[in-house]
């Protein structure tokens, strides 16, 4: 009985020291764990925003290119479909149509003036990448070349031109995550801009 009692209390200081060391280690690890959890949450929110913005651009391009929704009706529909993102206060939607060159005398594509380019939203300093003066009007060279009048065929490869829908959203992170991915997203004040573009062949002429 006596020996058992002695064994239980033989190294009481060592046990307390181990508990103290474990507590100190936990105090060091806890902030790191919290930061990691916040980064994971932030990354998840960012991925969700990116997916929503991409889907909105695709839906808009599909509807606008076929004339199923036009003008303010199209914008309102796309803004509502972006829930839970608020594209009215923290986003922008731009709809553009580029007409293909139709004659040998005027072979180059151009941005349609009727209907004109439509941009709706509240993002200061953010604008459509489709503009006169930009290289290839803001399109890739490959796509632009398909809109140029082809002398051999006496018509452009894409006869009715293309419709482009661009969506932008200002994502406000809870961590400095965007600072580590500056090559992917554009920093904008207290947030970062998440954007997407959808290009569809035009089958109707109204926006």
Protein backbone atom coordinates (compact mmCIF):
# COMPACT_ATOMS: atom_id res chain seq x y z
CA UNK A 1 0.00 0.00 0.00
CA UNK A 2 2.82 2.38 0.93
CA UNK A 3 4.83 1.68 -2.25
CA UNK A 4 1.81 2.30 -4.47
CA UNK A 5 1.18 5.60 -2.78
CA UNK A 6 4.81 6.59 -3.26
CA UNK A 7 4.74 5.70 -6.94
CA UNK A 8 1.78 7.98 -7.53
CA UNK A 9 3.53 10.96 -6.00
CA UNK A 10 7.13 10.16 -6.91
CA UNK A 11 7.40 12.77 -9.77
CA UNK A 12 4.58 15.30 -9.23
CA UNK A 13 6.71 18.19 -10.49
CA UNK A 14 7.45 16.41 -13.78
CA UNK A 15 3.75 15.87 -14.47
CA UNK A 16 3.00 19.54 -13.82
CA UNK A 17 5.87 20.59 -16.06
CA UNK A 18 4.56 18.46 -18.92
CA UNK A 19 1.11 19.97 -18.55
CA UNK A 20 2.61 23.44 -18.55
CA UNK A 21 4.62 22.76 -21.69
CA UNK A 22 1.55 21.34 -23.44
CA UNK A 23 -0.45 24.43 -22.49
CA UNK A 24 2.25 26.76 -23.85
CA UNK A 25 2.44 24.77 -27.09
CA UNK A 26 -1.33 24.95 -27.45
CA UNK A 27 -1.27 28.72 -26.95
CA UNK A 28 1.25 29.00 -29.80
CA UNK A 29 -0.63 26.64 -32.11
CA UNK A 30 -4.15 28.03 -31.50
CA UNK A 31 -3.64 31.36 -33.34
CA UNK A 32 -2.11 29.49 -36.29
CA UNK A 33 -5.09 27.14 -36.40
CA UNK A 34 -7.52 30.06 -36.28
CA UNK A 35 -5.70 31.81 -39.14
CA UNK A 36 -5.71 28.61 -41.19
CA UNK A 37 -9.44 28.15 -40.61
CA UNK A 38 -10.13 31.75 -41.66
CA UNK A 39 -8.05 31.29 -44.80
CA UNK A 40 -10.01 28.14 -45.68
CA UNK A 41 -13.32 29.97 -45.13
CA UNK A 42 -12.11 32.93 -47.21
CA UNK A 43 -10.93 30.68 -50.01
CA UNK A 44 -14.31 28.94 -50.02
CA UNK A 45 -16.18 32.24 -50.24
CA UNK A 46 -13.89 33.42 -53.02
CA UNK A 47 -14.40 30.22 -55.02
CA UNK A 48 -18.17 30.52 -54.54
CA UNK A 49 -18.12 34.13 -55.78
CA UNK A 50 -16.05 33.12 -58.79
CA UNK A 51 -18.46 30.31 -59.70
CA UNK A 52 -21.51 32.56 -59.37
CA UNK A 53 -19.95 35.33 -61.46
CA UNK A 54 -18.96 32.83 -64.16
CA UNK A 55 -22.45 31.32 -64.28
CA UNK A 56 -24.07 34.77 -64.48
CA UNK A 57 -21.84 35.73 -67.43
CA UNK A 58 -22.69 32.49 -69.24
CA UNK A 59 -26.40 32.85 -68.61
CA UNK A 60 -26.30 36.45 -69.80
CA UNK A 61 -24.35 35.59 -72.94
CA UNK A 62 -26.75 32.79 -73.79
CA UNK A 63 -29.85 34.97 -73.36
CA UNK A 64 -28.47 38.14 -74.95
CA UNK A 65 -27.03 36.41 -78.02
CA UNK A 66 -30.46 34.95 -78.85
CA UNK A 67 -32.42 38.08 -77.97
CA UNK A 68 -34.42 36.24 -75.29
CA UNK A 69 -33.77 39.02 -72.77
CA UNK A 70 -32.71 42.55 -73.63
CA UNK A 71 -31.55 45.78 -72.00
CA UNK A 72 -32.67 46.48 -68.44
CA UNK A 73 -34.73 43.27 -68.32
CA UNK A 74 -31.61 41.23 -68.96
CA UNK A 75 -29.57 43.14 -66.38
CA UNK A 76 -32.28 42.79 -63.72
CA UNK A 77 -32.54 39.05 -64.34
CA UNK A 78 -28.78 38.56 -64.08
CA UNK A 79 -28.51 40.64 -60.93
CA UNK A 80 -31.22 38.59 -59.23
CA UNK A 81 -29.63 35.31 -60.33
CA UNK A 82 -26.35 36.29 -58.64
CA UNK A 83 -27.78 35.87 -55.12
CA UNK A 84 -26.24 35.90 -52.50
CA UNK A 85 -23.86 38.31 -54.28
CA UNK A 86 -25.12 41.89 -54.60
CA UNK A 87 -24.21 42.96 -58.13
CA UNK A 88 -26.22 46.18 -57.80
CA UNK A 89 -24.04 47.70 -55.07
CA UNK A 90 -20.84 45.69 -55.39
CA UNK A 91 -20.76 44.62 -59.00
CA UNK A 92 -21.12 45.49 -62.65
CA UNK A 93 -22.54 43.79 -65.74
CA UNK A 94 -21.55 44.83 -69.25
CA UNK A 95 -23.22 43.62 -72.44
CA UNK A 96 -21.57 44.30 -75.79
CA UNK A 97 -22.14 43.21 -79.35
CA UNK A 98 -19.45 43.17 -82.01
CA UNK A 99 -20.53 43.19 -85.62
CA UNK A 100 -18.46 41.32 -88.17
CA UNK A 101 -17.00 43.04 -91.22
CA UNK A 102 -19.46 42.60 -94.09
CA UNK A 103 -17.73 44.05 -97.14
CA UNK A 104 -14.30 44.15 -98.72
CA UNK A 105 -14.36 47.95 -98.37
CA UNK A 106 -15.16 47.72 -94.66
CA UNK A 107 -13.63 44.39 -93.58
CA UNK A 108 -12.94 45.07 -89.91
CA UNK A 109 -15.35 44.19 -87.10
CA UNK A 110 -16.74 46.99 -84.94
CA UNK A 111 -18.60 47.48 -81.69
CA UNK A 112 -22.31 47.84 -82.37
CA UNK A 113 -23.79 51.30 -81.84
CA UNK A 114 -27.39 50.21 -82.25
CA UNK A 115 -27.90 48.69 -79.82
CA UNK A 116 -25.00 50.26 -77.98
CA UNK A 117 -22.83 48.84 -75.25
CA UNK A 118 -24.64 48.52 -71.93
CA UNK A 119 -22.88 48.63 -68.54
CA UNK A 120 -24.81 48.70 -65.26
CA UNK A 121 -23.34 48.63 -61.76
CA UNK A 122 -21.47 50.57 -59.11
CA UNK A 123 -17.73 49.90 -59.37
CA UNK A 124 -15.66 53.05 -59.75
CA UNK A 125 -12.71 52.59 -62.08
CA UNK A 126 -13.95 49.31 -63.54
CA UNK A 127 -15.09 49.20 -67.16
CA UNK A 128 -15.65 46.78 -69.99
CA UNK A 129 -12.64 45.29 -71.70
CA UNK A 130 -14.51 45.60 -75.01
CA UNK A 131 -13.77 49.04 -76.41
CA UNK A 132 -12.71 50.82 -79.57
CA UNK A 133 -8.98 51.43 -79.52
CA UNK A 134 -8.16 48.27 -77.60
CA UNK A 135 -6.16 45.59 -79.38
CA UNK A 136 -8.63 43.50 -81.39
CA UNK A 137 -11.44 45.46 -79.69
CA UNK A 138 -10.61 43.57 -76.49
CA UNK A 139 -11.09 40.14 -78.05
CA UNK A 140 -8.49 37.46 -78.56
CA UNK A 141 -6.74 37.73 -81.91
CA UNK A 142 -8.07 34.33 -82.97
CA UNK A 143 -11.69 35.36 -82.38
CA UNK A 144 -11.17 38.79 -83.93
CA UNK A 145 -9.79 37.22 -87.11
CA UNK A 146 -12.96 35.15 -87.48
CA UNK A 147 -14.96 38.39 -87.54
CA UNK A 148 -12.88 39.99 -90.28
CA UNK A 149 -14.38 39.89 -93.78
CA UNK A 150 -12.91 36.95 -95.68
CA UNK A 151 -12.27 37.75 -99.33
CA UNK A 152 -12.11 34.09 -100.33
CA UNK A 153 -15.52 33.31 -98.84
CA UNK A 154 -16.94 36.79 -99.44
CA UNK A 155 -18.15 36.72 -95.84
CA UNK A 156 -16.72 36.61 -92.32
CA UNK A 157 -16.39 33.22 -90.62
CA UNK A 158 -18.82 34.37 -87.90
CA UNK A 159 -21.40 36.19 -89.99
CA UNK A 160 -23.64 37.78 -87.34
CA UNK A 161 -20.84 38.72 -84.98
CA UNK A 162 -20.61 37.93 -81.28
CA UNK A 163 -22.27 38.99 -78.04
CA UNK A 164 -20.11 39.45 -74.96
CA UNK A 165 -21.29 39.59 -71.36
CA UNK A 166 -18.79 40.62 -68.69
CA UNK A 167 -19.50 40.37 -64.98
CA UNK A 168 -17.50 41.97 -62.17
CA UNK A 169 -17.88 41.64 -58.41
CA UNK A 170 -16.00 43.32 -55.58
CA UNK A 171 -15.17 40.59 -53.09
CA UNK A 172 -14.32 41.77 -49.58
CA UNK A 173 -12.14 39.17 -47.82
CA UNK A 174 -11.85 38.51 -44.10
CA UNK A 175 -8.14 37.68 -44.43
CA UNK A 176 -5.24 39.06 -46.54
CA UNK A 177 -5.78 36.14 -48.96
CA UNK A 178 -5.97 38.29 -52.15
CA UNK A 179 -2.50 39.71 -51.42
CA UNK A 180 -1.09 36.26 -52.08
CA UNK A 181 -2.89 35.86 -55.43
CA UNK A 182 -2.37 39.30 -56.97
CA UNK A 183 -1.63 37.78 -60.36
CA UNK A 184 -5.15 36.34 -60.55
CA UNK A 185 -7.37 39.07 -59.13
CA UNK A 186 -7.38 42.87 -59.31
CA UNK A 187 -7.17 44.71 -55.98
CA UNK A 188 -9.82 47.41 -55.64
CA UNK A 189 -9.88 49.47 -52.43
CA UNK A 190 -10.85 47.23 -49.52
CA UNK A 191 -11.59 44.29 -51.79
CA UNK A 192 -10.57 42.46 -54.90
CA UNK A 193 -12.34 42.25 -58.25
CA UNK A 194 -13.62 38.89 -59.40
CA UNK A 195 -14.55 38.92 -63.08
CA UNK A 196 -15.71 36.66 -65.85
CA UNK A 197 -16.53 36.94 -69.55
CA UNK A 198 -18.77 34.88 -71.80
CA UNK A 199 -18.73 35.14 -75.60
CA UNK A 200 -21.55 33.77 -77.77
CA UNK A 201 -22.24 33.93 -81.48
CA UNK A 202 -25.08 36.40 -82.06
CA UNK A 203 -28.30 35.05 -83.54
CA UNK A 204 -30.46 38.11 -82.80
CA UNK A 205 -29.64 41.79 -83.18
CA UNK A 206 -31.23 43.25 -80.04
CA UNK A 207 -29.59 43.63 -76.64
